[in-house]
Protein backbone atom coordinates (compact mmCIF):
# COMPACT_ATOMS: atom_id res chain seq x y z
CA MET A 1 8.19 15.09 -44.31
CA HIS A 2 9.84 12.10 -42.65
CA ARG A 3 8.60 10.55 -39.43
CA SER A 4 11.30 10.39 -36.74
CA LYS A 5 12.20 7.02 -35.30
CA LEU A 6 13.19 6.07 -31.77
CA SER A 7 16.19 3.90 -31.10
CA GLY A 8 18.10 2.59 -28.10
CA SER A 9 17.22 1.39 -24.62
CA VAL A 10 15.50 3.00 -21.66
CA LYS A 11 14.97 1.92 -18.06
CA ALA A 12 11.35 1.68 -17.01
CA PRO A 13 10.60 3.98 -14.06
CA PRO A 14 10.01 2.14 -10.76
CA SER A 15 6.44 1.22 -9.87
CA LYS A 16 4.76 3.67 -7.51
CA SER A 17 2.23 1.06 -6.37
CA TYR A 18 4.92 -1.45 -5.42
CA THR A 19 6.94 1.25 -3.64
CA HIS A 20 3.97 2.15 -1.41
CA ARG A 21 3.36 -1.46 -0.44
CA ALA A 22 7.00 -2.35 0.13
CA LEU A 23 7.52 0.63 2.46
CA VAL A 24 4.50 -0.26 4.61
CA LEU A 25 5.35 -3.98 4.81
CA ALA A 26 8.99 -3.19 5.60
CA SER A 27 7.77 -0.96 8.45
CA MET A 28 5.76 -3.88 9.85
CA ALA A 29 8.49 -6.51 9.44
CA ALA A 30 10.52 -7.22 12.60
CA GLY A 31 14.04 -6.20 11.65
CA GLU A 32 15.94 -4.39 8.93
CA SER A 33 14.57 -4.47 5.39
CA GLU A 34 15.78 -2.83 2.23
CA VAL A 35 13.54 -1.39 -0.46
CA MET A 36 15.67 -1.21 -3.59
CA ASN A 37 14.98 0.87 -6.68
CA PRO A 38 12.11 2.79 -5.04
CA LEU A 39 10.18 5.48 -6.84
CA TYR A 40 10.68 8.84 -5.17
CA CYS A 41 7.70 11.11 -5.78
CA ARG A 42 5.27 13.19 -3.75
CA ASP A 43 2.95 10.23 -3.09
CA THR A 44 5.61 7.75 -1.99
CA GLU A 45 7.32 10.45 0.09
CA ALA A 46 4.00 10.82 1.93
CA THR A 47 3.95 7.09 2.69
CA LEU A 48 7.58 7.18 3.80
CA GLN A 49 6.99 10.11 6.16
CA CYS A 50 3.91 8.42 7.65
CA CYS A 51 5.83 5.19 8.25
CA MET A 52 8.56 7.14 10.02
CA LYS A 53 6.04 8.91 12.25
CA LEU A 54 4.56 5.51 13.12
CA GLY A 55 7.94 4.38 14.42
CA ALA A 56 9.89 2.95 11.49
CA ARG A 57 13.54 3.98 11.45
CA VAL A 58 14.49 4.90 7.91
CA THR A 59 17.68 5.65 6.02
CA ALA A 60 16.81 6.93 2.56
CA ALA A 61 19.34 7.18 -0.25
CA GLU A 62 19.31 5.48 -3.65
CA ASP A 63 17.72 2.57 -1.80
CA ILE A 64 15.72 2.77 1.43
CA THR A 65 16.65 0.87 4.59
CA VAL A 66 13.77 0.37 7.03
CA LEU A 67 14.02 -0.90 10.60
CA GLY A 68 10.49 -1.90 11.52
CA GLY A 69 8.41 -4.33 13.51
CA ARG A 70 6.56 -2.18 15.99
CA LEU A 71 4.18 0.68 15.33
CA ARG A 72 3.34 3.41 17.82
CA ALA A 73 0.86 6.26 17.77
CA PRO A 74 2.60 9.42 16.54
CA CYS A 75 2.83 12.72 18.40
CA SER A 76 1.59 14.62 15.36
CA MET A 77 -0.94 14.00 12.60
CA LEU A 78 -0.13 11.88 9.56
CA ASP A 79 -0.45 13.76 6.28
CA ALA A 80 -1.17 11.62 3.22
CA LYS A 81 -0.83 14.71 0.99
CA SER A 82 -2.79 13.87 -2.16
CA SER A 83 -2.12 10.12 -2.12
CA GLY A 84 -5.16 7.87 -1.82
CA THR A 85 -2.95 4.78 -1.49
CA THR A 86 -1.13 6.37 1.44
CA ALA A 87 -4.37 7.36 3.17
CA ARG A 88 -5.92 3.91 2.90
CA LEU A 89 -2.83 1.86 3.82
CA ILE A 90 -1.76 4.10 6.70
CA THR A 91 -5.27 4.41 8.17
CA ALA A 92 -5.58 0.62 8.22
CA VAL A 93 -2.20 -0.17 9.81
CA ALA A 94 -2.65 2.65 12.35
CA SER A 95 -5.11 0.29 14.05
CA HIS A 96 -1.99 -1.39 15.45
CA ALA A 97 -0.12 1.79 16.44
CA ALA A 98 0.14 1.31 20.19
CA GLY A 99 -0.11 4.11 22.68
CA GLY A 100 -3.16 6.09 21.72
CA PHE A 101 -4.85 7.62 18.71
CA THR A 102 -3.64 8.47 15.21
CA LEU A 103 -5.04 11.35 13.17
CA VAL A 104 -4.78 10.90 9.40
CA THR A 105 -5.50 13.77 7.03
CA GLY A 106 -4.59 14.91 3.54
CA SER A 107 -4.90 17.61 0.93
CA ARG A 108 -8.19 19.33 0.13
CA SER A 109 -8.72 17.09 -2.89
CA LEU A 110 -7.94 13.93 -0.92
CA ARG A 111 -10.40 14.93 1.79
CA LYS A 112 -13.14 14.66 -0.84
CA ARG A 113 -12.31 11.04 -1.68
CA PRO A 114 -14.11 8.14 0.02
CA MET A 115 -12.84 6.38 3.12
CA GLY A 116 -16.17 4.97 4.32
CA PRO A 117 -15.82 1.35 3.13
CA LEU A 118 -12.44 1.08 4.86
CA LEU A 119 -13.63 2.61 8.14
CA LEU A 120 -16.70 0.37 8.19
CA ALA A 121 -14.64 -2.78 7.63
CA ILE A 122 -12.14 -1.80 10.33
CA ARG A 123 -15.02 -1.47 12.79
CA ASP A 124 -16.52 -4.78 11.62
CA LEU A 125 -13.20 -6.42 12.49
CA GLY A 126 -13.18 -4.99 16.00
CA GLY A 127 -11.09 -1.88 15.40
CA ARG A 128 -12.01 1.73 16.07
CA ALA A 129 -11.79 4.34 13.32
CA TRP A 130 -14.05 7.26 12.47
CA SER A 131 -14.25 10.51 10.55
CA ILE A 132 -14.10 13.74 12.53
CA GLY A 133 -15.74 15.84 9.83
CA GLU A 134 -17.89 14.62 6.98
CA GLU A 135 -18.73 10.95 7.46
CA GLY A 136 -16.60 8.62 5.37
CA ARG A 137 -13.99 11.26 4.54
CA LEU A 138 -10.64 12.42 5.87
CA PRO A 139 -9.57 13.48 8.41
CA VAL A 140 -10.02 10.29 10.41
CA VAL A 141 -9.01 9.15 13.87
CA VAL A 142 -7.80 5.60 14.45
CA GLU A 143 -7.39 4.05 17.89
CA GLY A 144 -4.38 1.77 18.27
CA CYS A 145 -6.36 -1.04 19.86
CA GLY A 146 -5.66 -3.59 17.14
CA LEU A 147 -8.14 -5.71 15.22
CA ALA A 148 -10.02 -8.53 16.92
CA GLY A 149 -10.62 -10.43 13.67
CA GLY A 150 -13.73 -11.97 12.17
CA GLU A 151 -15.47 -11.36 8.87
CA ALA A 152 -16.06 -8.21 6.84
CA GLU A 153 -17.60 -7.40 3.51
CA VAL A 154 -15.52 -4.81 1.68
CA ASP A 155 -17.26 -2.49 -0.75
CA SER A 156 -14.63 -2.43 -3.51
CA ARG A 157 -16.66 -0.82 -6.28
CA LEU A 158 -14.91 2.53 -5.99
CA SER A 159 -11.38 1.34 -5.26
CA SER A 160 -9.39 -1.83 -4.64
CA GLN A 161 -7.26 0.12 -2.14
CA PHE A 162 -9.74 -0.57 0.66
CA LEU A 163 -9.23 -4.31 0.26
CA SER A 164 -5.46 -3.99 -0.10
CA ALA A 165 -5.26 -1.96 3.10
CA LEU A 166 -7.38 -4.47 5.01
CA LEU A 167 -5.30 -7.42 3.78
CA VAL A 168 -2.19 -5.74 5.17
CA THR A 169 -3.57 -4.71 8.57
CA SER A 170 -5.31 -8.08 9.06
CA LEU A 171 -1.91 -9.76 9.29
CA TRP A 172 -1.72 -8.56 12.90
CA ALA A 173 -5.32 -9.30 13.90
CA ARG A 174 -5.86 -11.37 17.03
CA ARG A 175 -8.09 -13.88 15.26
CA GLU A 176 -8.48 -15.09 11.69
CA VAL A 177 -9.89 -12.56 9.24
CA LYS A 178 -12.16 -13.31 6.29
CA LEU A 179 -12.53 -10.51 3.74
CA LYS A 180 -15.29 -10.67 1.15
CA PRO A 181 -14.94 -8.01 -1.57
CA VAL A 182 -18.08 -6.68 -3.23
CA GLY A 183 -17.75 -5.41 -6.80
CA LEU A 184 -13.96 -5.59 -6.87
CA VAL A 185 -12.30 -3.31 -9.43
CA SER A 186 -8.61 -3.33 -10.37
CA LYS A 187 -7.91 -6.81 -9.01
CA PRO A 188 -4.29 -6.72 -10.30
CA TYR A 189 -3.52 -4.17 -7.58
CA VAL A 190 -4.83 -6.58 -4.94
CA GLU A 191 -2.68 -9.34 -6.45
CA MET A 192 0.24 -6.94 -6.15
CA THR A 193 -0.53 -6.48 -2.44
CA VAL A 194 -0.71 -10.23 -1.84
CA HIS A 195 2.61 -10.68 -3.64
CA VAL A 196 4.42 -8.13 -1.47
CA VAL A 197 2.85 -9.54 1.72
CA ARG A 198 4.14 -12.99 0.82
CA TRP A 199 7.57 -11.57 -0.02
CA PHE A 200 7.81 -10.42 3.60
CA GLY A 201 6.73 -13.82 4.90
CA GLY A 202 3.03 -13.10 5.35
CA ARG A 203 0.28 -15.59 4.57
CA ILE A 204 -2.93 -14.84 2.71
CA GLU A 205 -5.22 -17.54 1.35
CA GLU A 206 -7.23 -16.77 -1.77
CA LYS A 207 -10.73 -18.27 -1.98
CA SER A 208 -13.42 -18.14 -4.65
CA TRP A 209 -15.34 -15.67 -2.48
CA GLY A 210 -12.44 -13.61 -1.14
CA TYR A 211 -9.46 -13.90 1.19
CA VAL A 212 -8.53 -15.53 4.50
CA VAL A 213 -5.77 -14.00 6.62
CA PRO A 214 -4.36 -16.10 9.50
CA PRO A 215 -3.90 -14.16 12.77
CA LYS A 216 -0.90 -12.84 14.70
CA GLN A 217 1.60 -13.04 11.88
CA LEU A 218 5.25 -12.11 12.34
CA LEU A 219 6.56 -10.56 9.16
CA LYS A 220 10.17 -11.20 8.23
CA PRO A 221 12.59 -8.48 7.10
CA ALA A 222 13.51 -8.77 3.45
CA GLY A 223 15.13 -7.08 0.53
CA PHE A 224 12.58 -6.06 -2.08
CA ARG A 225 13.54 -4.64 -5.46
CA VAL A 226 10.77 -2.48 -6.88
CA PRO A 227 10.10 -3.55 -10.47
CA GLY A 228 9.59 -1.22 -13.38
CA ASP A 229 6.13 0.12 -14.02
CA PHE A 230 4.51 -1.82 -16.86
CA SER A 231 1.85 0.83 -17.48
CA LEU A 232 4.46 3.53 -18.11
CA ALA A 233 6.58 1.12 -20.14
CA ALA A 234 3.53 0.45 -22.31
CA LEU A 235 3.48 4.12 -23.31
CA LEU A 236 7.06 3.84 -24.51
CA ALA A 237 6.22 0.67 -26.41
CA ALA A 238 3.24 2.38 -28.03
CA ALA A 239 5.39 5.31 -29.11
CA ALA A 240 7.90 2.90 -30.62
CA ALA A 241 5.16 1.03 -32.47
CA LEU A 242 3.64 4.22 -33.89
CA THR A 243 6.99 5.35 -35.25
CA GLU A 244 8.04 1.86 -36.40
CA SER A 245 10.98 2.08 -34.02
CA ARG A 246 12.94 -0.40 -31.96
CA VAL A 247 13.29 0.45 -28.28
CA GLU A 248 14.44 -1.85 -25.49
CA VAL A 249 12.72 -1.22 -22.14
CA LYS A 250 14.79 -2.46 -19.19
CA GLY A 251 13.87 -2.97 -15.56
CA LEU A 252 10.63 -4.90 -16.03
CA SER A 253 10.01 -8.17 -14.20
CA LEU A 254 7.59 -10.95 -15.09
CA ALA A 255 8.12 -12.38 -11.59
CA HIS A 256 5.79 -9.73 -10.17
CA PRO A 257 2.04 -9.46 -10.90
């Protein structure tokens, strides 16, 4: 029996995590942005649909063009489907959706996942967000009154998504925001968030204890090319190593965290 070998080149699939973040930041940036090489899947489609309901004007083809800069409360609920990233990011930025209240919900499985640390931090920063069923779970209601600013400890033991969402929404706070994560897991995903924020002209200062976000920031429209997903590319590399093969994986970028 002979072991088969792999040979040739393959393009790494686009990063889902970067696609989520780029879509939300493009929706907040004042002007027309382009998200190139996005990953289309159920989770990112949920984020895209939520951004559109919040007021972003979107043309989706191979790349996605987003005209953003102003969020408004939608006429219907926002459905995060089964995407935790969508639920956390959209709940946070809905604090700035002018004109009323935003209802965020999701699938049955997503409604079992925690939202409490995010809701608590939003309230600590002067926003208004609460669960309408089980405390700390979807569905949640968010008032579009903005964030006053201030300091908040962020329980990040269960997910780094709470911190990522707060870093993004704090860009539009009326005063400086200081975020102090507690038990941060998956810090590379937070670094990813900071990278995309800076790509769109936002400012976040990293400290030994956490993060400082200057207030009232105006994000700039930009073109953002979603890099390949290193975690999925690693599976291809492992398969090549196990079969003593040579495979070239394209589409990865060392310029992104």
